[in-house]
Amino acid sequence: MTTTPDRRTFKVGAATFGDGRLTVIAGPCVIESRDHALMMARECAERARTAGLDFVFKSSFDKANRSSIKSFRGLGMEAGLEILGEVKKEIGVPVLTDVHDTAQVEAAAAVADILQIPAFLCRQTDLISAAARTGRALNIKKGQFLAPQDARNIVEKAQAVGCERLMLTERGVSFGYNNLIVDMRSFPIMKDFGVPISFDVTHSLQLPGGLGHATGGLSEYIEPLARAGVACGVDGVFMEVHDAPERAPSDGPNMLPLERMGRLLDMLCDIHELVGARAES
């Protein structure tokens, strides 16, 4: 039997990870416009506040791993980071965004509170090291091709260059073609590495390449999957949220409609409190 090491609690702005509270990371897949990003940040933050949860806004300035050359990738790094800076200033919440290449790290770190390493890039040592050296908090998604125990190597890479604020995120594992499945054992396994664990609910419900030219999704199962993850004791819930997923230029089929967010967060709070109370008794 392994012994769980001391958890590395860390803060980003007003949000805390690893201290027993539940934090929500939410926002649209990609930045579509300044007005849309500000509206979504405001609406998501209000729902998280009402539920009593810490909140981090997420959105990508670029989505480099699209299914098709015709897919919308975003507004680009310069415009996207400028908008994220406005979100921080006007809404007053920490922000998270992806980096896909070492050349993006310095500029992204100047704005984002959390740098995210996408799942497909979780074994890219140079990218992890460059992001870790910025001193920003890191969220590294476990690749769809990795067993949960293999994610220990990811943690060791980041910590080897001095990263003290690190979180791992589960986002499903490949299950045949065009499908993903979540192994609930991954949460306690990865918690044993001594870092906070987040659950990317909406990406776990993707059907990668399922539409041929784009990724499909099963957003109708977001609520039950999220409830199961929180019952497993995760520190954070990661969800892509959109006011009109049917019109979203990226990942619409697996995003949570904004109108369903408030009720879901209330349910997750209840489950989190129950699990915490049981653990302490």
C-alpha atoms as a PDB file:
ATOM      1  CA  MET A   1       0.000   0.000   0.000  1.00  0.00           C
ATOM      2  CA  THR A   2       1.364   3.415  -1.002  1.00  0.00           C
ATOM      3  CA  THR A   3       1.403   6.433   1.279  1.00  0.00           C
ATOM      4  CA  THR A   4      -0.087   9.610  -0.113  1.00  0.00           C
ATOM      5  CA  PRO A   5       2.500  12.432   0.107  1.00  0.00           C
ATOM      6  CA  ASP A   6       1.711  15.896   1.412  1.00  0.00           C
ATOM      7  CA  ARG A   7      -0.521  17.744  -1.043  1.00  0.00           C
ATOM      8  CA  ARG A   8       0.989  20.788  -2.676  1.00  0.00           C
ATOM      9  CA  THR A   9      -1.686  23.428  -2.141  1.00  0.00           C
ATOM     10  CA  PHE A  10      -1.338  26.532  -4.298  1.00  0.00           C
ATOM     11  CA  LYS A  11      -3.201  29.735  -5.070  1.00  0.00           C
ATOM     12  CA  VAL A  12      -3.838  31.588  -8.297  1.00  0.00           C
ATOM     13  CA  GLY A  13      -5.476  34.900  -7.559  1.00  0.00           C
ATOM     14  CA  ALA A  14      -8.464  34.208  -5.328  1.00  0.00           C
ATOM     15  CA  ALA A  15      -8.647  30.532  -6.345  1.00  0.00           C
ATOM     16  CA  THR A  16      -7.012  27.747  -4.360  1.00  0.00           C
ATOM     17  CA  PHE A  17      -6.207  24.197  -5.397  1.00  0.00           C
ATOM     18  CA  GLY A  18      -5.446  21.276  -3.111  1.00  0.00           C
ATOM     19  CA  ASP A  19      -6.793  22.602   0.179  1.00  0.00           C
ATOM     20  CA  GLY A  20      -9.966  20.535   0.265  1.00  0.00           C
ATOM     21  CA  ARG A  21     -12.159  23.022  -1.568  1.00  0.00           C
ATOM     22  CA  LEU A  22     -13.600  22.462  -5.027  1.00  0.00           C
ATOM     23  CA  THR A  23     -12.579  24.908  -7.754  1.00  0.00           C
ATOM     24  CA  VAL A  24     -14.231  25.291 -11.137  1.00  0.00           C
ATOM     25  CA  ILE A  25     -12.276  26.072 -14.304  1.00  0.00           C
ATOM     26  CA  ALA A  26     -14.702  27.067 -17.037  1.00  0.00           C
ATOM     27  CA  GLY A  27     -15.150  29.027 -20.234  1.00  0.00           C
ATOM     28  CA  PRO A  28     -15.511  28.592 -23.982  1.00  0.00           C
ATOM     29  CA  CYS A  29     -13.137  26.345 -25.889  1.00  0.00           C
ATOM     30  CA  VAL A  30     -11.599  29.180 -27.866  1.00  0.00           C
ATOM     31  CA  ILE A  31     -11.707  32.962 -27.719  1.00  0.00           C
ATOM     32  CA  GLU A  32     -14.256  34.052 -30.334  1.00  0.00           C
ATOM     33  CA  SER A  33     -14.347  37.796 -29.667  1.00  0.00           C
ATOM     34  CA  ARG A  34     -13.660  40.300 -26.908  1.00  0.00           C
ATOM     35  CA  ASP A  35     -17.335  40.792 -26.104  1.00  0.00           C
ATOM     36  CA  HIS A  36     -18.079  37.075 -26.031  1.00  0.00           C
ATOM     37  CA  ALA A  37     -15.116  36.294 -23.782  1.00  0.00           C
ATOM     38  CA  LEU A  38     -16.050  39.039 -21.311  1.00  0.00           C
ATOM     39  CA  MET A  39     -19.694  37.960 -21.271  1.00  0.00           C
ATOM     40  CA  MET A  40     -18.818  34.311 -20.709  1.00  0.00           C
ATOM     41  CA  ALA A  41     -16.294  35.137 -17.981  1.00  0.00           C
ATOM     42  CA  ARG A  42     -18.856  37.306 -16.201  1.00  0.00           C
ATOM     43  CA  GLU A  43     -21.647  34.731 -16.451  1.00  0.00           C
ATOM     44  CA  CYS A  44     -19.494  31.756 -15.431  1.00  0.00           C
ATOM     45  CA  ALA A  45     -17.946  33.671 -12.534  1.00  0.00           C
ATOM     46  CA  GLU A  46     -21.381  34.657 -11.233  1.00  0.00           C
ATOM     47  CA  ARG A  47     -22.608  31.051 -11.297  1.00  0.00           C
ATOM     48  CA  ALA A  48     -19.480  29.852  -9.508  1.00  0.00           C
ATOM     49  CA  ARG A  49     -19.819  32.604  -6.897  1.00  0.00           C
ATOM     50  CA  THR A  50     -23.457  31.734  -6.288  1.00  0.00           C
ATOM     51  CA  ALA A  51     -22.479  28.098  -5.748  1.00  0.00           C
ATOM     52  CA  GLY A  52     -19.678  29.124  -3.364  1.00  0.00           C
ATOM     53  CA  LEU A  53     -16.854  27.889  -5.588  1.00  0.00           C
ATOM     54  CA  ASP A  54     -13.503  29.404  -6.483  1.00  0.00           C
ATOM     55  CA  PHE A  55     -13.340  30.172 -10.208  1.00  0.00           C
ATOM     56  CA  VAL A  56     -10.759  30.325 -13.003  1.00  0.00           C
ATOM     57  CA  PHE A  57     -11.718  31.447 -16.507  1.00  0.00           C
ATOM     58  CA  LYS A  58     -10.345  29.344 -19.358  1.00  0.00           C
ATOM     59  CA  SER A  59     -10.215  29.949 -23.062  1.00  0.00           C
ATOM     60  CA  SER A  60      -7.615  29.344 -25.758  1.00  0.00           C
ATOM     61  CA  PHE A  61      -6.064  31.961 -28.022  1.00  0.00           C
ATOM     62  CA  ASP A  62      -5.208  29.174 -30.465  1.00  0.00           C
ATOM     63  CA  LYS A  63      -6.341  25.575 -30.904  1.00  0.00           C
ATOM     64  CA  ALA A  64      -3.483  23.959 -32.770  1.00  0.00           C
ATOM     65  CA  ASN A  65      -4.811  20.390 -32.697  1.00  0.00           C
ATOM     66  CA  ARG A  66      -7.926  20.788 -34.838  1.00  0.00           C
ATOM     67  CA  SER A  67      -9.368  17.894 -36.827  1.00  0.00           C
ATOM     68  CA  SER A  68      -9.324  19.714 -40.169  1.00  0.00           C
ATOM     69  CA  ILE A  69      -7.288  22.440 -41.858  1.00  0.00           C
ATOM     70  CA  LYS A  70     -10.632  24.241 -42.262  1.00  0.00           C
ATOM     71  CA  SER A  71     -11.374  24.282 -38.522  1.00  0.00           C
ATOM     72  CA  PHE A  72     -11.463  27.569 -36.612  1.00  0.00           C
ATOM     73  CA  ARG A  73      -8.336  27.937 -34.468  1.00  0.00           C
ATOM     74  CA  GLY A  74      -8.917  31.229 -32.697  1.00  0.00           C
ATOM     75  CA  LEU A  75      -7.922  34.880 -32.937  1.00  0.00           C
ATOM     76  CA  GLY A  76      -4.190  34.299 -32.613  1.00  0.00           C
ATOM     77  CA  MET A  77      -1.827  34.830 -29.710  1.00  0.00           C
ATOM     78  CA  GLU A  78      -1.544  38.629 -29.690  1.00  0.00           C
ATOM     79  CA  ALA A  79      -5.261  39.345 -29.904  1.00  0.00           C
ATOM     80  CA  GLY A  80      -6.203  36.435 -27.664  1.00  0.00           C
ATOM     81  CA  LEU A  81      -3.832  37.370 -24.867  1.00  0.00           C
ATOM     82  CA  GLU A  82      -4.981  40.977 -25.001  1.00  0.00           C
ATOM     83  CA  ILE A  83      -8.563  39.803 -24.462  1.00  0.00           C
ATOM     84  CA  LEU A  84      -7.543  37.522 -21.590  1.00  0.00           C
ATOM     85  CA  GLY A  85      -5.811  40.504 -20.005  1.00  0.00           C
ATOM     86  CA  GLU A  86      -9.067  42.448 -20.229  1.00  0.00           C
ATOM     87  CA  VAL A  87     -10.947  39.558 -18.625  1.00  0.00           C
ATOM     88  CA  LYS A  88      -8.556  39.636 -15.678  1.00  0.00           C
ATOM     89  CA  LYS A  89      -8.891  43.397 -15.303  1.00  0.00           C
ATOM     90  CA  GLU A  90     -12.628  43.818 -15.853  1.00  0.00           C
ATOM     91  CA  ILE A  91     -14.016  40.604 -14.322  1.00  0.00           C
ATOM     92  CA  GLY A  92     -11.326  40.188 -11.665  1.00  0.00           C
ATOM     93  CA  VAL A  93     -10.744  36.457 -12.081  1.00  0.00           C
ATOM     94  CA  PRO A  94      -7.602  34.421 -12.797  1.00  0.00           C
ATOM     95  CA  VAL A  95      -7.259  33.073 -16.337  1.00  0.00           C
ATOM     96  CA  LEU A  96      -5.928  29.868 -17.883  1.00  0.00           C
ATOM     97  CA  THR A  97      -4.851  29.286 -21.469  1.00  0.00           C
ATOM     98  CA  ASP A  98      -2.994  26.661 -23.517  1.00  0.00           C
ATOM     99  CA  VAL A  99       0.537  26.857 -24.851  1.00  0.00           C
ATOM    100  CA  HIS A 100       1.489  24.597 -27.737  1.00  0.00           C
ATOM    101  CA  ASP A 101       5.093  25.562 -28.355  1.00  0.00           C
ATOM    102  CA  THR A 102       8.031  26.920 -26.365  1.00  0.00           C
ATOM    103  CA  ALA A 103       7.879  30.101 -28.455  1.00  0.00           C
ATOM    104  CA  GLN A 104       4.461  30.901 -26.951  1.00  0.00           C
ATOM    105  CA  VAL A 105       5.385  30.419 -23.322  1.00  0.00           C
ATOM    106  CA  GLU A 106       6.935  33.777 -22.406  1.00  0.00           C
ATOM    107  CA  ALA A 107       4.132  35.892 -23.871  1.00  0.00           C
ATOM    108  CA  ALA A 108       1.398  33.678 -22.432  1.00  0.00           C
ATOM    109  CA  ALA A 109       3.009  33.696 -18.980  1.00  0.00           C
ATOM    110  CA  ALA A 110       2.966  37.498 -18.974  1.00  0.00           C
ATOM    111  CA  VAL A 111      -0.855  37.363 -18.960  1.00  0.00           C
ATOM    112  CA  ALA A 112      -2.160  33.960 -17.857  1.00  0.00           C
ATOM    113  CA  ASP A 113      -2.216  32.881 -14.215  1.00  0.00           C
ATOM    114  CA  ILE A 114      -2.162  29.205 -15.229  1.00  0.00           C
ATOM    115  CA  LEU A 115      -0.420  27.804 -18.290  1.00  0.00           C
ATOM    116  CA  GLN A 116      -1.993  24.648 -19.645  1.00  0.00           C
ATOM    117  CA  ILE A 117      -0.165  21.873 -21.465  1.00  0.00           C
ATOM    118  CA  PRO A 118      -2.633  20.120 -23.811  1.00  0.00           C
ATOM    119  CA  ALA A 119      -3.074  16.370 -23.493  1.00  0.00           C
ATOM    120  CA  PHE A 120      -1.437  15.616 -26.842  1.00  0.00           C
ATOM    121  CA  LEU A 121       1.695  17.474 -25.674  1.00  0.00           C
ATOM    122  CA  CYS A 122       2.001  16.125 -22.129  1.00  0.00           C
ATOM    123  CA  ARG A 123       5.235  14.246 -22.953  1.00  0.00           C
ATOM    124  CA  GLN A 124       6.950  17.231 -24.592  1.00  0.00           C
ATOM    125  CA  THR A 125       9.774  17.755 -22.128  1.00  0.00           C
ATOM    126  CA  ASP A 126      10.995  21.083 -23.561  1.00  0.00           C
ATOM    127  CA  LEU A 127       7.496  22.576 -23.446  1.00  0.00           C
ATOM    128  CA  ILE A 128       6.842  21.427 -19.880  1.00  0.00           C
ATOM    129  CA  SER A 129      10.236  22.684 -18.720  1.00  0.00           C
ATOM    130  CA  ALA A 130       9.841  26.074 -20.399  1.00  0.00           C
ATOM    131  CA  ALA A 131       6.373  26.568 -18.920  1.00  0.00           C
ATOM    132  CA  ALA A 132       7.535  25.436 -15.470  1.00  0.00           C
ATOM    133  CA  ARG A 133      10.448  27.895 -15.454  1.00  0.00           C
ATOM    134  CA  THR A 134       8.106  30.878 -15.841  1.00  0.00           C
ATOM    135  CA  GLY A 135       6.941  30.503 -12.249  1.00  0.00           C
ATOM    136  CA  ARG A 136       3.314  30.410 -13.352  1.00  0.00           C
ATOM    137  CA  ALA A 137       1.045  27.646 -12.126  1.00  0.00           C
ATOM    138  CA  LEU A 138       0.755  24.724 -14.539  1.00  0.00           C
ATOM    139  CA  ASN A 139      -2.181  22.539 -15.484  1.00  0.00           C
ATOM    140  CA  ILE A 140      -0.998  19.507 -17.430  1.00  0.00           C
ATOM    141  CA  LYS A 141      -3.598  17.278 -19.016  1.00  0.00           C
ATOM    142  CA  LYS A 142      -2.887  13.568 -18.962  1.00  0.00           C
ATOM    143  CA  GLY A 143      -2.733  12.327 -22.537  1.00  0.00           C
ATOM    144  CA  GLN A 144      -5.456  10.114 -23.957  1.00  0.00           C
ATOM    145  CA  PHE A 145      -2.713   7.549 -24.553  1.00  0.00           C
ATOM    146  CA  LEU A 146      -1.357   7.385 -20.990  1.00  0.00           C
ATOM    147  CA  ALA A 147      -2.189   5.155 -18.051  1.00  0.00           C
ATOM    148  CA  PRO A 148      -2.737   7.202 -14.874  1.00  0.00           C
ATOM    149  CA  GLN A 149       0.366   5.769 -13.194  1.00  0.00           C
ATOM    150  CA  ASP A 150       2.473   7.011 -16.117  1.00  0.00           C
ATOM    151  CA  ALA A 151       1.535  10.597 -15.272  1.00  0.00           C
ATOM    152  CA  ARG A 152       4.046  10.487 -12.407  1.00  0.00           C
ATOM    153  CA  ASN A 153       6.731  11.165 -15.007  1.00  0.00           C
ATOM    154  CA  ILE A 154       4.944  14.384 -15.990  1.00  0.00           C
ATOM    155  CA  VAL A 155       5.011  15.591 -12.397  1.00  0.00           C
ATOM    156  CA  GLU A 156       8.694  14.770 -12.040  1.00  0.00           C
ATOM    157  CA  LYS A 157       9.591  16.666 -15.214  1.00  0.00           C
ATOM    158  CA  ALA A 158       7.908  19.845 -14.016  1.00  0.00           C
ATOM    159  CA  GLN A 159       9.241  19.596 -10.482  1.00  0.00           C
ATOM    160  CA  ALA A 160      12.775  18.935 -11.744  1.00  0.00           C
ATOM    161  CA  VAL A 161      12.967  22.538 -12.962  1.00  0.00           C
ATOM    162  CA  GLY A 162      11.412  24.004  -9.819  1.00  0.00           C
ATOM    163  CA  CYS A 163       7.674  24.023 -10.483  1.00  0.00           C
ATOM    164  CA  GLU A 164       5.872  24.286  -7.136  1.00  0.00           C
ATOM    165  CA  ARG A 165       2.353  24.968  -8.445  1.00  0.00           C
ATOM    166  CA  LEU A 166       1.278  22.031 -10.554  1.00  0.00           C
ATOM    167  CA  MET A 167      -2.008  20.296 -11.237  1.00  0.00           C
ATOM    168  CA  LEU A 168      -2.808  17.185 -13.288  1.00  0.00           C
ATOM    169  CA  THR A 169      -6.033  16.867 -15.240  1.00  0.00           C
ATOM    170  CA  GLU A 170      -7.822  13.713 -16.314  1.00  0.00           C
ATOM    171  CA  ARG A 171      -9.613  14.022 -19.664  1.00  0.00           C
ATOM    172  CA  GLY A 172     -10.384  10.455 -20.651  1.00  0.00           C
ATOM    173  CA  VAL A 173      -8.421   7.731 -22.386  1.00  0.00           C
ATOM    174  CA  SER A 174      -8.794   6.466 -25.966  1.00  0.00           C
ATOM    175  CA  PHE A 175     -11.250   3.592 -26.190  1.00  0.00           C
ATOM    176  CA  GLY A 176     -11.077   2.204 -29.688  1.00  0.00           C
ATOM    177  CA  TYR A 177     -11.681   4.631 -32.525  1.00  0.00           C
ATOM    178  CA  ASN A 178     -13.485   7.974 -32.045  1.00  0.00           C
ATOM    179  CA  ASN A 179     -14.303   7.361 -28.403  1.00  0.00           C
ATOM    180  CA  LEU A 180     -13.010   8.099 -24.915  1.00  0.00           C
ATOM    181  CA  ILE A 181     -13.687   6.585 -21.517  1.00  0.00           C
ATOM    182  CA  VAL A 182     -12.842   7.742 -17.985  1.00  0.00           C
ATOM    183  CA  ASP A 183     -11.214   5.272 -15.626  1.00  0.00           C
ATOM    184  CA  MET A 184     -12.299   6.510 -12.206  1.00  0.00           C
ATOM    185  CA  ARG A 185      -9.288   4.792 -10.664  1.00  0.00           C
ATOM    186  CA  SER A 186      -7.134   7.496 -12.219  1.00  0.00           C
ATOM    187  CA  PHE A 187      -8.177  10.072  -9.619  1.00  0.00           C
ATOM    188  CA  PRO A 188      -6.865   8.271  -6.512  1.00  0.00           C
ATOM    189  CA  ILE A 189      -3.867   6.967  -8.471  1.00  0.00           C
ATOM    190  CA  MET A 190      -2.770  10.446  -9.554  1.00  0.00           C
ATOM    191  CA  LYS A 191      -3.578  11.976  -6.173  1.00  0.00           C
ATOM    192  CA  ASP A 192      -0.840   9.749  -4.834  1.00  0.00           C
ATOM    193  CA  PHE A 193       1.682  11.923  -6.703  1.00  0.00           C
ATOM    194  CA  GLY A 194       1.091  14.758  -4.242  1.00  0.00           C
ATOM    195  CA  VAL A 195      -0.463  17.320  -6.616  1.00  0.00           C
ATOM    196  CA  PRO A 196      -4.036  18.599  -6.991  1.00  0.00           C
ATOM    197  CA  ILE A 197      -6.167  16.723  -9.511  1.00  0.00           C
ATOM    198  CA  SER A 198      -8.738  18.220 -11.857  1.00  0.00           C
ATOM    199  CA  PHE A 199     -11.344  16.483 -13.998  1.00  0.00           C
ATOM    200  CA  ASP A 200     -11.937  17.776 -17.522  1.00  0.00           C
ATOM    201  CA  VAL A 201     -15.511  16.592 -17.824  1.00  0.00           C
ATOM    202  CA  THR A 202     -16.418  18.019 -21.211  1.00  0.00           C
ATOM    203  CA  HIS A 203     -13.348  16.867 -23.146  1.00  0.00           C
ATOM    204  CA  SER A 204     -13.856  13.408 -21.681  1.00  0.00           C
ATOM    205  CA  LEU A 205     -17.129  13.336 -23.608  1.00  0.00           C
ATOM    206  CA  GLN A 206     -15.575  14.113 -26.972  1.00  0.00           C
ATOM    207  CA  LEU A 207     -15.834  11.721 -29.885  1.00  0.00           C
ATOM    208  CA  PRO A 208     -12.436  12.556 -31.440  1.00  0.00           C
ATOM    209  CA  GLY A 209     -12.808  12.921 -35.176  1.00  0.00           C
ATOM    210  CA  GLY A 210     -16.309  11.509 -34.802  1.00  0.00           C
ATOM    211  CA  LEU A 211     -17.823  13.866 -37.364  1.00  0.00           C
ATOM    212  CA  GLY A 212     -15.161  13.115 -39.940  1.00  0.00           C
ATOM    213  CA  HIS A 213     -14.147  16.741 -40.450  1.00  0.00           C
ATOM    214  CA  ALA A 214     -14.516  17.628 -36.765  1.00  0.00           C
ATOM    215  CA  THR A 215     -14.826  16.209 -33.273  1.00  0.00           C
ATOM    216  CA  GLY A 216     -18.224  15.085 -32.032  1.00  0.00           C
ATOM    217  CA  GLY A 217     -19.413  14.910 -28.455  1.00  0.00           C
ATOM    218  CA  LEU A 218     -21.959  13.671 -25.931  1.00  0.00           C
ATOM    219  CA  SER A 219     -22.823  16.715 -23.856  1.00  0.00           C
ATOM    220  CA  GLU A 220     -25.974  15.047 -22.515  1.00  0.00           C
ATOM    221  CA  TYR A 221     -23.759  13.037 -20.152  1.00  0.00           C
ATOM    222  CA  ILE A 222     -21.878  15.962 -18.610  1.00  0.00           C
ATOM    223  CA  GLU A 223     -23.890  16.026 -15.377  1.00  0.00           C
ATOM    224  CA  PRO A 224     -23.575  12.328 -14.430  1.00  0.00           C
ATOM    225  CA  LEU A 225     -19.888  12.224 -15.315  1.00  0.00           C
ATOM    226  CA  ALA A 226     -19.161  15.401 -13.348  1.00  0.00           C
ATOM    227  CA  ARG A 227     -21.013  14.037 -10.313  1.00  0.00           C
ATOM    228  CA  ALA A 228     -18.966  10.835 -10.442  1.00  0.00           C
ATOM    229  CA  GLY A 229     -15.668  12.705 -10.652  1.00  0.00           C
ATOM    230  CA  VAL A 230     -16.454  14.951  -7.694  1.00  0.00           C
ATOM    231  CA  ALA A 231     -17.508  11.896  -5.698  1.00  0.00           C
ATOM    232  CA  CYS A 232     -14.008  10.538  -6.373  1.00  0.00           C
ATOM    233  CA  GLY A 233     -12.518  13.534  -4.573  1.00  0.00           C
ATOM    234  CA  VAL A 234     -11.099  15.762  -7.311  1.00  0.00           C
ATOM    235  CA  ASP A 235      -9.823  19.225  -6.435  1.00  0.00           C
ATOM    236  CA  GLY A 236     -11.140  20.940  -9.525  1.00  0.00           C
ATOM    237  CA  VAL A 237     -13.709  20.512 -12.260  1.00  0.00           C
ATOM    238  CA  PHE A 238     -12.774  21.708 -15.738  1.00  0.00           C
ATOM    239  CA  MET A 239     -15.654  22.380 -18.127  1.00  0.00           C
ATOM    240  CA  GLU A 240     -15.949  24.106 -21.449  1.00  0.00           C
ATOM    241  CA  VAL A 241     -19.097  26.213 -21.330  1.00  0.00           C
ATOM    242  CA  HIS A 242     -20.879  28.159 -24.073  1.00  0.00           C
ATOM    243  CA  ASP A 243     -24.038  30.204 -24.297  1.00  0.00           C
ATOM    244  CA  ALA A 244     -24.922  28.602 -27.661  1.00  0.00           C
ATOM    245  CA  PRO A 245     -22.913  25.394 -28.219  1.00  0.00           C
ATOM    246  CA  GLU A 246     -24.751  24.724 -31.479  1.00  0.00           C
ATOM    247  CA  ARG A 247     -23.115  27.852 -32.934  1.00  0.00           C
ATOM    248  CA  ALA A 248     -19.698  27.458 -31.315  1.00  0.00           C
ATOM    249  CA  PRO A 249     -16.825  27.351 -33.832  1.00  0.00           C
ATOM    250  CA  SER A 250     -14.916  24.756 -31.797  1.00  0.00           C
ATOM    251  CA  ASP A 251     -15.960  21.775 -29.619  1.00  0.00           C
ATOM    252  CA  GLY A 252     -19.648  22.692 -29.605  1.00  0.00           C
ATOM    253  CA  PRO A 253     -20.944  19.081 -29.374  1.00  0.00           C
ATOM    254  CA  ASN A 254     -19.243  18.457 -26.022  1.00  0.00           C
ATOM    255  CA  MET A 255     -19.571  21.866 -24.344  1.00  0.00           C
ATOM    256  CA  LEU A 256     -21.926  22.531 -21.438  1.00  0.00           C
ATOM    257  CA  PRO A 257     -24.725  24.980 -22.287  1.00  0.00           C
ATOM    258  CA  LEU A 258     -24.454  28.003 -20.009  1.00  0.00           C
ATOM    259  CA  GLU A 259     -28.087  27.587 -18.936  1.00  0.00           C
ATOM    260  CA  ARG A 260     -27.234  24.232 -17.302  1.00  0.00           C
ATOM    261  CA  MET A 261     -24.136  25.446 -15.429  1.00  0.00           C
ATOM    262  CA  GLY A 262     -25.704  26.882 -12.265  1.00  0.00           C
ATOM    263  CA  ARG A 263     -27.741  23.835 -11.354  1.00  0.00           C
ATOM    264  CA  LEU A 264     -24.809  21.524 -12.045  1.00  0.00           C
ATOM    265  CA  LEU A 265     -22.477  23.515  -9.806  1.00  0.00           C
ATOM    266  CA  ASP A 266     -24.996  23.395  -6.982  1.00  0.00           C
ATOM    267  CA  MET A 267     -25.161  19.593  -7.281  1.00  0.00           C
ATOM    268  CA  LEU A 268     -21.386  19.305  -7.359  1.00  0.00           C
ATOM    269  CA  CYS A 269     -21.094  21.416  -4.206  1.00  0.00           C
ATOM    270  CA  ASP A 270     -23.516  19.137  -2.389  1.00  0.00           C
ATOM    271  CA  ILE A 271     -21.574  16.025  -3.432  1.00  0.00           C
ATOM    272  CA  HIS A 272     -18.250  17.605  -2.534  1.00  0.00           C
ATOM    273  CA  GLU A 273     -19.464  18.563   0.931  1.00  0.00           C
ATOM    274  CA  LEU A 274     -20.877  15.097   1.535  1.00  0.00           C
ATOM    275  CA  VAL A 275     -17.671  13.350   0.462  1.00  0.00           C
ATOM    276  CA  GLY A 276     -15.584  15.700   2.602  1.00  0.00           C
ATOM    277  CA  ALA A 277     -17.783  15.209   5.651  1.00  0.00           C
ATOM    278  CA  ARG A 278     -17.665  11.415   5.267  1.00  0.00           C
ATOM    279  CA  ALA A 279     -13.887  11.479   4.883  1.00  0.00           C
ATOM    280  CA  GLU A 280     -13.488  13.410   8.129  1.00  0.00           C
ATOM    281  CA  SER A 281     -15.874  11.240  10.175  1.00  0.00           C
END
